[in-house]
Full PDB file with SEQRES, HELIX, SHEET, SSBOND, CRYST1, ORIGX, SCALE, CONECT and MASTER records, all heavy atoms in Angstrom:
SEQRES   1 A   31  LEU SER HIS ILE ILE ALA MET PRO ASP ILE ALA ALA GLY          
SEQRES   2 A   31  ARG LEU ILE PRO VAL MET LYS ASP PHE GLN PRO SER ARG          
SEQRES   3 A   31  LEU PRO VAL THR VAL                                          
HELIX    1 AA1 HIS A    3  ALA A   11  1                                   9    
CRYST1    1.000    1.000    1.000  90.00  90.00  90.00 P 1           1          
ORIGX1      1.000000  0.000000  0.000000        0.00000                         
ORIGX2      0.000000  1.000000  0.000000        0.00000                         
ORIGX3      0.000000  0.000000  1.000000        0.00000                         
SCALE1      1.000000  0.000000  0.000000        0.00000                         
SCALE2      0.000000  1.000000  0.000000        0.00000                         
SCALE3      0.000000  0.000000  1.000000        0.00000                         
ATOM      1  N   LEU A   1      -6.073  13.773  15.064  1.00  0.00           N  
ATOM      2  CA  LEU A   1      -5.589  13.276  13.818  1.00  0.00           C  
ATOM      3  C   LEU A   1      -6.763  12.874  12.834  1.00  0.00           C  
ATOM      4  O   LEU A   1      -7.764  12.533  13.169  1.00  0.00           O  
ATOM      5  CB  LEU A   1      -4.794  11.947  14.108  1.00  0.00           C  
ATOM      6  CG  LEU A   1      -3.527  12.045  14.923  1.00  0.00           C  
ATOM      7  CD1 LEU A   1      -2.897  10.689  15.206  1.00  0.00           C  
ATOM      8  CD2 LEU A   1      -2.542  12.990  14.193  1.00  0.00           C  
ATOM      9  N   SER A   2      -6.505  13.114  11.588  1.00  0.00           N  
ATOM     10  CA  SER A   2      -7.378  12.793  10.590  1.00  0.00           C  
ATOM     11  C   SER A   2      -7.613  11.345  10.509  1.00  0.00           C  
ATOM     12  O   SER A   2      -6.882  10.445  10.797  1.00  0.00           O  
ATOM     13  CB  SER A   2      -6.783  13.205   9.171  1.00  0.00           C  
ATOM     14  OG  SER A   2      -7.510  12.603   8.076  1.00  0.00           O  
ATOM     15  N   HIS A   3      -8.918  10.974  10.107  1.00  0.00           N  
ATOM     16  CA  HIS A   3      -9.260   9.584  10.028  1.00  0.00           C  
ATOM     17  C   HIS A   3      -8.254   8.737   9.120  1.00  0.00           C  
ATOM     18  O   HIS A   3      -8.233   7.675   9.210  1.00  0.00           O  
ATOM     19  CB  HIS A   3     -10.714   9.453   9.698  1.00  0.00           C  
ATOM     20  CG  HIS A   3     -11.081   9.640   8.248  1.00  0.00           C  
ATOM     21  ND1 HIS A   3     -10.921  10.863   7.620  1.00  0.00           N  
ATOM     22  CD2 HIS A   3     -11.210   8.658   7.177  1.00  0.00           C  
ATOM     23  CE1 HIS A   3     -11.144  10.764   6.389  1.00  0.00           C  
ATOM     24  NE2 HIS A   3     -11.271   9.420   6.052  1.00  0.00           N  
ATOM     25  N   ILE A   4      -7.783   9.521   8.037  1.00  0.00           N  
ATOM     26  CA  ILE A   4      -6.982   8.768   6.958  1.00  0.00           C  
ATOM     27  C   ILE A   4      -5.725   8.225   7.597  1.00  0.00           C  
ATOM     28  O   ILE A   4      -5.511   7.079   7.248  1.00  0.00           O  
ATOM     29  CB  ILE A   4      -6.584   9.826   5.987  1.00  0.00           C  
ATOM     30  CG1 ILE A   4      -7.921  10.532   5.227  1.00  0.00           C  
ATOM     31  CG2 ILE A   4      -5.601   9.382   5.036  1.00  0.00           C  
ATOM     32  CD1 ILE A   4      -7.644  11.599   4.317  1.00  0.00           C  
ATOM     33  N   ILE A   5      -5.132   8.924   8.630  1.00  0.00           N  
ATOM     34  CA  ILE A   5      -3.990   8.308   9.169  1.00  0.00           C  
ATOM     35  C   ILE A   5      -4.203   7.588  10.498  1.00  0.00           C  
ATOM     36  O   ILE A   5      -3.476   6.693  10.921  1.00  0.00           O  
ATOM     37  CB  ILE A   5      -2.837   9.369   9.347  1.00  0.00           C  
ATOM     38  CG1 ILE A   5      -3.268  10.558  10.112  1.00  0.00           C  
ATOM     39  CG2 ILE A   5      -2.307   9.668   8.006  1.00  0.00           C  
ATOM     40  CD1 ILE A   5      -2.303  11.671  10.415  1.00  0.00           C  
ATOM     41  N   ALA A   6      -5.355   8.000  11.091  1.00  0.00           N  
ATOM     42  CA  ALA A   6      -5.602   7.326  12.483  1.00  0.00           C  
ATOM     43  C   ALA A   6      -6.376   5.970  12.473  1.00  0.00           C  
ATOM     44  O   ALA A   6      -6.155   5.131  13.343  1.00  0.00           O  
ATOM     45  CB  ALA A   6      -6.370   8.335  13.457  1.00  0.00           C  
ATOM     46  N   MET A   7      -7.238   5.862  11.464  1.00  0.00           N  
ATOM     47  CA  MET A   7      -8.130   4.555  11.497  1.00  0.00           C  
ATOM     48  C   MET A   7      -7.323   3.365  11.475  1.00  0.00           C  
ATOM     49  O   MET A   7      -7.756   2.391  12.217  1.00  0.00           O  
ATOM     50  CB  MET A   7      -9.170   4.699  10.335  1.00  0.00           C  
ATOM     51  CG  MET A   7     -10.361   5.636  10.554  1.00  0.00           C  
ATOM     52  SD  MET A   7     -11.375   5.140  11.919  1.00  0.00           S  
ATOM     53  CE  MET A   7     -11.974   3.573  11.395  1.00  0.00           C  
ATOM     54  N   PRO A   8      -6.361   3.000  10.718  1.00  0.00           N  
ATOM     55  CA  PRO A   8      -5.619   1.863  10.626  1.00  0.00           C  
ATOM     56  C   PRO A   8      -5.110   1.610  12.125  1.00  0.00           C  
ATOM     57  O   PRO A   8      -5.080   0.307  12.533  1.00  0.00           O  
ATOM     58  CB  PRO A   8      -4.474   1.981   9.619  1.00  0.00           C  
ATOM     59  CG  PRO A   8      -4.971   3.019   8.737  1.00  0.00           C  
ATOM     60  CD  PRO A   8      -5.853   4.022   9.573  1.00  0.00           C  
ATOM     61  N   ASP A   9      -4.567   2.579  12.880  1.00  0.00           N  
ATOM     62  CA  ASP A   9      -4.118   2.363  14.119  1.00  0.00           C  
ATOM     63  C   ASP A   9      -5.045   2.184  15.048  1.00  0.00           C  
ATOM     64  O   ASP A   9      -4.953   1.425  16.071  1.00  0.00           O  
ATOM     65  CB  ASP A   9      -3.179   3.536  14.433  1.00  0.00           C  
ATOM     66  CG  ASP A   9      -1.883   3.657  13.634  1.00  0.00           C  
ATOM     67  OD1 ASP A   9      -1.210   2.603  13.511  1.00  0.00           O  
ATOM     68  OD2 ASP A   9      -1.723   4.661  13.064  1.00  0.00           O  
ATOM     69  N   ILE A  10      -6.238   2.810  14.894  1.00  0.00           N  
ATOM     70  CA  ILE A  10      -7.427   2.535  15.825  1.00  0.00           C  
ATOM     71  C   ILE A  10      -7.828   1.079  15.756  1.00  0.00           C  
ATOM     72  O   ILE A  10      -8.093   0.347  16.666  1.00  0.00           O  
ATOM     73  CB  ILE A  10      -8.617   3.560  15.456  1.00  0.00           C  
ATOM     74  CG1 ILE A  10      -8.115   4.919  15.994  1.00  0.00           C  
ATOM     75  CG2 ILE A  10      -9.824   3.109  16.297  1.00  0.00           C  
ATOM     76  CD1 ILE A  10      -9.129   5.973  15.553  1.00  0.00           C  
ATOM     77  N   ALA A  11      -7.944   0.646  14.517  1.00  0.00           N  
ATOM     78  CA  ALA A  11      -8.409  -0.751  14.193  1.00  0.00           C  
ATOM     79  C   ALA A  11      -7.444  -1.822  14.789  1.00  0.00           C  
ATOM     80  O   ALA A  11      -7.942  -2.842  15.298  1.00  0.00           O  
ATOM     81  CB  ALA A  11      -8.538  -1.023  12.699  1.00  0.00           C  
ATOM     82  N   ALA A  12      -6.177  -1.357  14.844  1.00  0.00           N  
ATOM     83  CA  ALA A  12      -5.151  -2.358  15.287  1.00  0.00           C  
ATOM     84  C   ALA A  12      -4.869  -2.138  16.741  1.00  0.00           C  
ATOM     85  O   ALA A  12      -4.131  -3.024  17.337  1.00  0.00           O  
ATOM     86  CB  ALA A  12      -3.816  -2.103  14.598  1.00  0.00           C  
ATOM     87  N   GLY A  13      -5.480  -1.274  17.409  1.00  0.00           N  
ATOM     88  CA  GLY A  13      -5.266  -0.973  18.899  1.00  0.00           C  
ATOM     89  C   GLY A  13      -4.085  -0.261  19.266  1.00  0.00           C  
ATOM     90  O   GLY A  13      -3.734  -0.102  20.397  1.00  0.00           O  
ATOM     91  N   ARG A  14      -3.380   0.346  18.253  1.00  0.00           N  
ATOM     92  CA  ARG A  14      -2.240   1.040  18.490  1.00  0.00           C  
ATOM     93  C   ARG A  14      -2.495   2.435  18.917  1.00  0.00           C  
ATOM     94  O   ARG A  14      -1.707   3.244  19.616  1.00  0.00           O  
ATOM     95  CB  ARG A  14      -1.321   1.172  17.223  1.00  0.00           C  
ATOM     96  CG  ARG A  14      -0.705  -0.165  16.823  1.00  0.00           C  
ATOM     97  CD  ARG A  14       0.298  -0.018  15.649  1.00  0.00           C  
ATOM     98  NE  ARG A  14      -0.429   0.467  14.553  1.00  0.00           N  
ATOM     99  CZ  ARG A  14      -0.865  -0.403  13.614  1.00  0.00           C  
ATOM    100  NH1 ARG A  14      -0.761  -1.813  13.663  1.00  0.00           N  
ATOM    101  NH2 ARG A  14      -1.518  -0.020  12.325  1.00  0.00           N  
ATOM    102  N   LEU A  15      -3.798   2.971  18.570  1.00  0.00           N  
ATOM    103  CA  LEU A  15      -4.226   4.224  19.090  1.00  0.00           C  
ATOM    104  C   LEU A  15      -5.627   4.065  19.608  1.00  0.00           C  
ATOM    105  O   LEU A  15      -6.378   3.249  19.083  1.00  0.00           O  
ATOM    106  CB  LEU A  15      -4.311   5.350  17.927  1.00  0.00           C  
ATOM    107  CG  LEU A  15      -2.991   5.820  17.507  1.00  0.00           C  
ATOM    108  CD1 LEU A  15      -3.171   6.807  16.273  1.00  0.00           C  
ATOM    109  CD2 LEU A  15      -2.149   6.479  18.546  1.00  0.00           C  
ATOM    110  N   ILE A  16      -6.013   4.867  20.586  1.00  0.00           N  
ATOM    111  CA  ILE A  16      -7.332   4.735  21.235  1.00  0.00           C  
ATOM    112  C   ILE A  16      -8.007   6.037  21.118  1.00  0.00           C  
ATOM    113  O   ILE A  16      -7.457   7.044  21.596  1.00  0.00           O  
ATOM    114  CB  ILE A  16      -7.244   4.228  22.679  1.00  0.00           C  
ATOM    115  CG1 ILE A  16      -6.630   2.943  22.812  1.00  0.00           C  
ATOM    116  CG2 ILE A  16      -8.581   4.365  23.377  1.00  0.00           C  
ATOM    117  CD1 ILE A  16      -6.416   2.406  24.224  1.00  0.00           C  
ATOM    118  N   PRO A  17      -9.127   6.019  20.509  1.00  0.00           N  
ATOM    119  CA  PRO A  17     -10.057   7.297  20.336  1.00  0.00           C  
ATOM    120  C   PRO A  17     -10.626   7.620  21.750  1.00  0.00           C  
ATOM    121  O   PRO A  17     -11.111   6.742  22.445  1.00  0.00           O  
ATOM    122  CB  PRO A  17     -11.030   7.053  19.279  1.00  0.00           C  
ATOM    123  CG  PRO A  17     -11.243   5.636  19.316  1.00  0.00           C  
ATOM    124  CD  PRO A  17      -9.942   5.117  19.732  1.00  0.00           C  
ATOM    125  N   VAL A  18     -10.611   8.919  22.083  1.00  0.00           N  
ATOM    126  CA  VAL A  18     -11.202   9.281  23.446  1.00  0.00           C  
ATOM    127  C   VAL A  18     -12.260  10.348  23.369  1.00  0.00           C  
ATOM    128  O   VAL A  18     -12.370  10.843  22.206  1.00  0.00           O  
ATOM    129  CB  VAL A  18     -10.105   9.757  24.522  1.00  0.00           C  
ATOM    130  CG1 VAL A  18      -9.074   8.616  24.797  1.00  0.00           C  
ATOM    131  CG2 VAL A  18      -9.304  10.939  23.956  1.00  0.00           C  
ATOM    132  N   MET A  19     -12.951  10.650  24.338  1.00  0.00           N  
ATOM    133  CA  MET A  19     -13.940  11.605  24.391  1.00  0.00           C  
ATOM    134  C   MET A  19     -14.933  11.464  23.319  1.00  0.00           C  
ATOM    135  O   MET A  19     -15.289  12.239  22.425  1.00  0.00           O  
ATOM    136  CB  MET A  19     -13.202  12.996  24.317  1.00  0.00           C  
ATOM    137  CG  MET A  19     -13.582  13.990  25.343  1.00  0.00           C  
ATOM    138  SD  MET A  19     -12.543  15.433  25.401  1.00  0.00           S  
ATOM    139  CE  MET A  19     -12.831  16.049  23.745  1.00  0.00           C  
ATOM    140  N   LYS A  20     -15.582  10.318  23.386  1.00  0.00           N  
ATOM    141  CA  LYS A  20     -16.644   9.917  22.288  1.00  0.00           C  
ATOM    142  C   LYS A  20     -17.712  10.937  22.179  1.00  0.00           C  
ATOM    143  O   LYS A  20     -18.182  11.116  21.097  1.00  0.00           O  
ATOM    144  CB  LYS A  20     -17.173   8.518  22.588  1.00  0.00           C  
ATOM    145  CG  LYS A  20     -18.288   8.061  21.657  1.00  0.00           C  
ATOM    146  CD  LYS A  20     -18.837   6.733  22.091  1.00  0.00           C  
ATOM    147  CE  LYS A  20     -19.962   6.360  21.037  1.00  0.00           C  
ATOM    148  NZ  LYS A  20     -20.571   5.071  21.515  1.00  0.00           N  
ATOM    149  N   ASP A  21     -18.209  11.625  23.299  1.00  0.00           N  
ATOM    150  CA  ASP A  21     -19.297  12.378  23.188  1.00  0.00           C  
ATOM    151  C   ASP A  21     -18.881  13.837  22.627  1.00  0.00           C  
ATOM    152  O   ASP A  21     -19.797  14.728  22.511  1.00  0.00           O  
ATOM    153  CB  ASP A  21     -19.892  12.631  24.639  1.00  0.00           C  
ATOM    154  CG  ASP A  21     -20.629  11.365  25.005  1.00  0.00           C  
ATOM    155  OD1 ASP A  21     -21.011  10.476  24.184  1.00  0.00           O  
ATOM    156  OD2 ASP A  21     -20.664  11.083  26.305  1.00  0.00           O  
ATOM    157  N   PHE A  22     -17.668  14.117  22.562  1.00  0.00           N  
ATOM    158  CA  PHE A  22     -17.149  15.424  22.095  1.00  0.00           C  
ATOM    159  C   PHE A  22     -16.138  15.111  20.994  1.00  0.00           C  
ATOM    160  O   PHE A  22     -14.986  15.012  21.283  1.00  0.00           O  
ATOM    161  CB  PHE A  22     -16.544  16.273  23.097  1.00  0.00           C  
ATOM    162  CG  PHE A  22     -17.558  16.540  24.372  1.00  0.00           C  
ATOM    163  CD1 PHE A  22     -17.591  15.624  25.382  1.00  0.00           C  
ATOM    164  CD2 PHE A  22     -18.262  17.676  24.356  1.00  0.00           C  
ATOM    165  CE1 PHE A  22     -18.473  16.023  26.402  1.00  0.00           C  
ATOM    166  CE2 PHE A  22     -19.109  17.939  25.347  1.00  0.00           C  
ATOM    167  CZ  PHE A  22     -19.150  17.056  26.465  1.00  0.00           C  
ATOM    168  N   GLN A  23     -16.634  15.153  19.711  1.00  0.00           N  
ATOM    169  CA  GLN A  23     -15.682  14.855  18.511  1.00  0.00           C  
ATOM    170  C   GLN A  23     -15.080  16.108  18.005  1.00  0.00           C  
ATOM    171  O   GLN A  23     -15.754  17.219  18.035  1.00  0.00           O  
ATOM    172  CB  GLN A  23     -16.599  14.120  17.529  1.00  0.00           C  
ATOM    173  CG  GLN A  23     -17.084  12.673  17.848  1.00  0.00           C  
ATOM    174  CD  GLN A  23     -15.885  11.825  18.017  1.00  0.00           C  
ATOM    175  OE1 GLN A  23     -15.240  11.421  17.185  1.00  0.00           O  
ATOM    176  NE2 GLN A  23     -15.734  11.438  19.262  1.00  0.00           N  
ATOM    177  N   PRO A  24     -13.896  15.965  17.496  1.00  0.00           N  
ATOM    178  CA  PRO A  24     -13.292  17.158  16.730  1.00  0.00           C  
ATOM    179  C   PRO A  24     -14.246  17.836  15.739  1.00  0.00           C  
ATOM    180  O   PRO A  24     -14.916  17.037  14.903  1.00  0.00           O  
ATOM    181  CB  PRO A  24     -11.983  16.589  16.135  1.00  0.00           C  
ATOM    182  CG  PRO A  24     -11.756  15.557  17.144  1.00  0.00           C  
ATOM    183  CD  PRO A  24     -13.050  14.877  17.491  1.00  0.00           C  
ATOM    184  N   SER A  25     -14.439  19.030  15.715  1.00  0.00           N  
ATOM    185  CA  SER A  25     -15.270  19.673  14.726  1.00  0.00           C  
ATOM    186  C   SER A  25     -14.842  19.400  13.339  1.00  0.00           C  
ATOM    187  O   SER A  25     -13.733  19.342  13.063  1.00  0.00           O  
ATOM    188  CB  SER A  25     -15.373  21.125  14.997  1.00  0.00           C  
ATOM    189  OG  SER A  25     -15.896  21.494  16.273  1.00  0.00           O  
ATOM    190  N   ARG A  26     -15.817  19.191  12.491  1.00  0.00           N  
ATOM    191  CA  ARG A  26     -15.568  18.914  11.018  1.00  0.00           C  
ATOM    192  C   ARG A  26     -15.291  20.247  10.249  1.00  0.00           C  
ATOM    193  O   ARG A  26     -15.911  21.205  10.559  1.00  0.00           O  
ATOM    194  CB  ARG A  26     -16.701  18.070  10.260  1.00  0.00           C  
ATOM    195  CG  ARG A  26     -17.090  16.858  11.087  1.00  0.00           C  
ATOM    196  CD  ARG A  26     -18.108  16.108  10.363  1.00  0.00           C  
ATOM    197  NE  ARG A  26     -17.314  15.365   9.157  1.00  0.00           N  
ATOM    198  CZ  ARG A  26     -18.055  14.876   8.146  1.00  0.00           C  
ATOM    199  NH1 ARG A  26     -19.410  14.990   8.127  1.00  0.00           N  
ATOM    200  NH2 ARG A  26     -17.379  14.192   7.332  1.00  0.00           N  
ATOM    201  N   LEU A  27     -14.343  20.188   9.420  1.00  0.00           N  
ATOM    202  CA  LEU A  27     -13.969  21.312   8.661  1.00  0.00           C  
ATOM    203  C   LEU A  27     -14.295  21.155   7.095  1.00  0.00           C  
ATOM    204  O   LEU A  27     -14.158  19.956   6.626  1.00  0.00           O  
ATOM    205  CB  LEU A  27     -12.479  21.563   8.677  1.00  0.00           C  
ATOM    206  CG  LEU A  27     -11.910  21.865  10.124  1.00  0.00           C  
ATOM    207  CD1 LEU A  27     -10.470  22.014  10.068  1.00  0.00           C  
ATOM    208  CD2 LEU A  27     -12.577  23.289  10.652  1.00  0.00           C  
ATOM    209  N   PRO A  28     -14.710  22.162   6.461  1.00  0.00           N  
ATOM    210  CA  PRO A  28     -15.008  21.909   5.072  1.00  0.00           C  
ATOM    211  C   PRO A  28     -13.680  21.734   4.287  1.00  0.00           C  
ATOM    212  O   PRO A  28     -12.554  22.306   4.608  1.00  0.00           O  
ATOM    213  CB  PRO A  28     -15.560  23.336   4.617  1.00  0.00           C  
ATOM    214  CG  PRO A  28     -15.232  24.329   5.521  1.00  0.00           C  
ATOM    215  CD  PRO A  28     -14.958  23.534   6.795  1.00  0.00           C  
ATOM    216  N   VAL A  29     -13.683  20.877   3.233  1.00  0.00           N  
ATOM    217  CA  VAL A  29     -12.515  20.548   2.437  1.00  0.00           C  
ATOM    218  C   VAL A  29     -12.895  21.178   1.052  1.00  0.00           C  
ATOM    219  O   VAL A  29     -13.785  20.839   0.434  1.00  0.00           O  
ATOM    220  CB  VAL A  29     -12.229  19.063   2.252  1.00  0.00           C  
ATOM    221  CG1 VAL A  29     -11.092  18.854   1.307  1.00  0.00           C  
ATOM    222  CG2 VAL A  29     -12.086  18.465   3.539  1.00  0.00           C  
ATOM    223  N   THR A  30     -12.029  22.084   0.588  1.00  0.00           N  
ATOM    224  CA  THR A  30     -12.204  22.949  -0.565  1.00  0.00           C  
ATOM    225  C   THR A  30     -11.047  22.818  -1.495  1.00  0.00           C  
ATOM    226  O   THR A  30      -9.862  22.979  -1.084  1.00  0.00           O  
ATOM    227  CB  THR A  30     -12.504  24.391  -0.207  1.00  0.00           C  
ATOM    228  OG1 THR A  30     -13.560  24.504   0.776  1.00  0.00           O  
ATOM    229  CG2 THR A  30     -12.921  25.245  -1.439  1.00  0.00           C  
ATOM    230  N   VAL A  31     -11.288  22.716  -2.745  1.00  0.00           N  
ATOM    231  CA  VAL A  31     -10.300  22.755  -3.873  1.00  0.00           C  
ATOM    232  C   VAL A  31     -10.400  24.178  -4.433  1.00  0.00           C  
ATOM    233  O   VAL A  31     -11.490  24.570  -4.742  1.00  0.00           O  
ATOM    234  CB  VAL A  31     -10.397  21.659  -4.821  1.00  0.00           C  
ATOM    235  CG1 VAL A  31     -11.699  21.678  -5.591  1.00  0.00           C  
ATOM    236  CG2 VAL A  31      -9.187  21.743  -5.783  1.00  0.00           C  
TER     237      VAL A  31                                                      
MASTER        0    0    0    1    0    0    0    6  236    1    0    3          
END                                                                             
C-alpha cells in the first residue's frame, strides 16, 4: 500500500509493516 493511505493506520496500530529489510521498490511518479 502507498504510504499515503497506509501511514495513518500504521501510526494507529491498525496495520503493521513487515519485512523491514526488503521494502517495496520505489516507482517514478510522472505527470
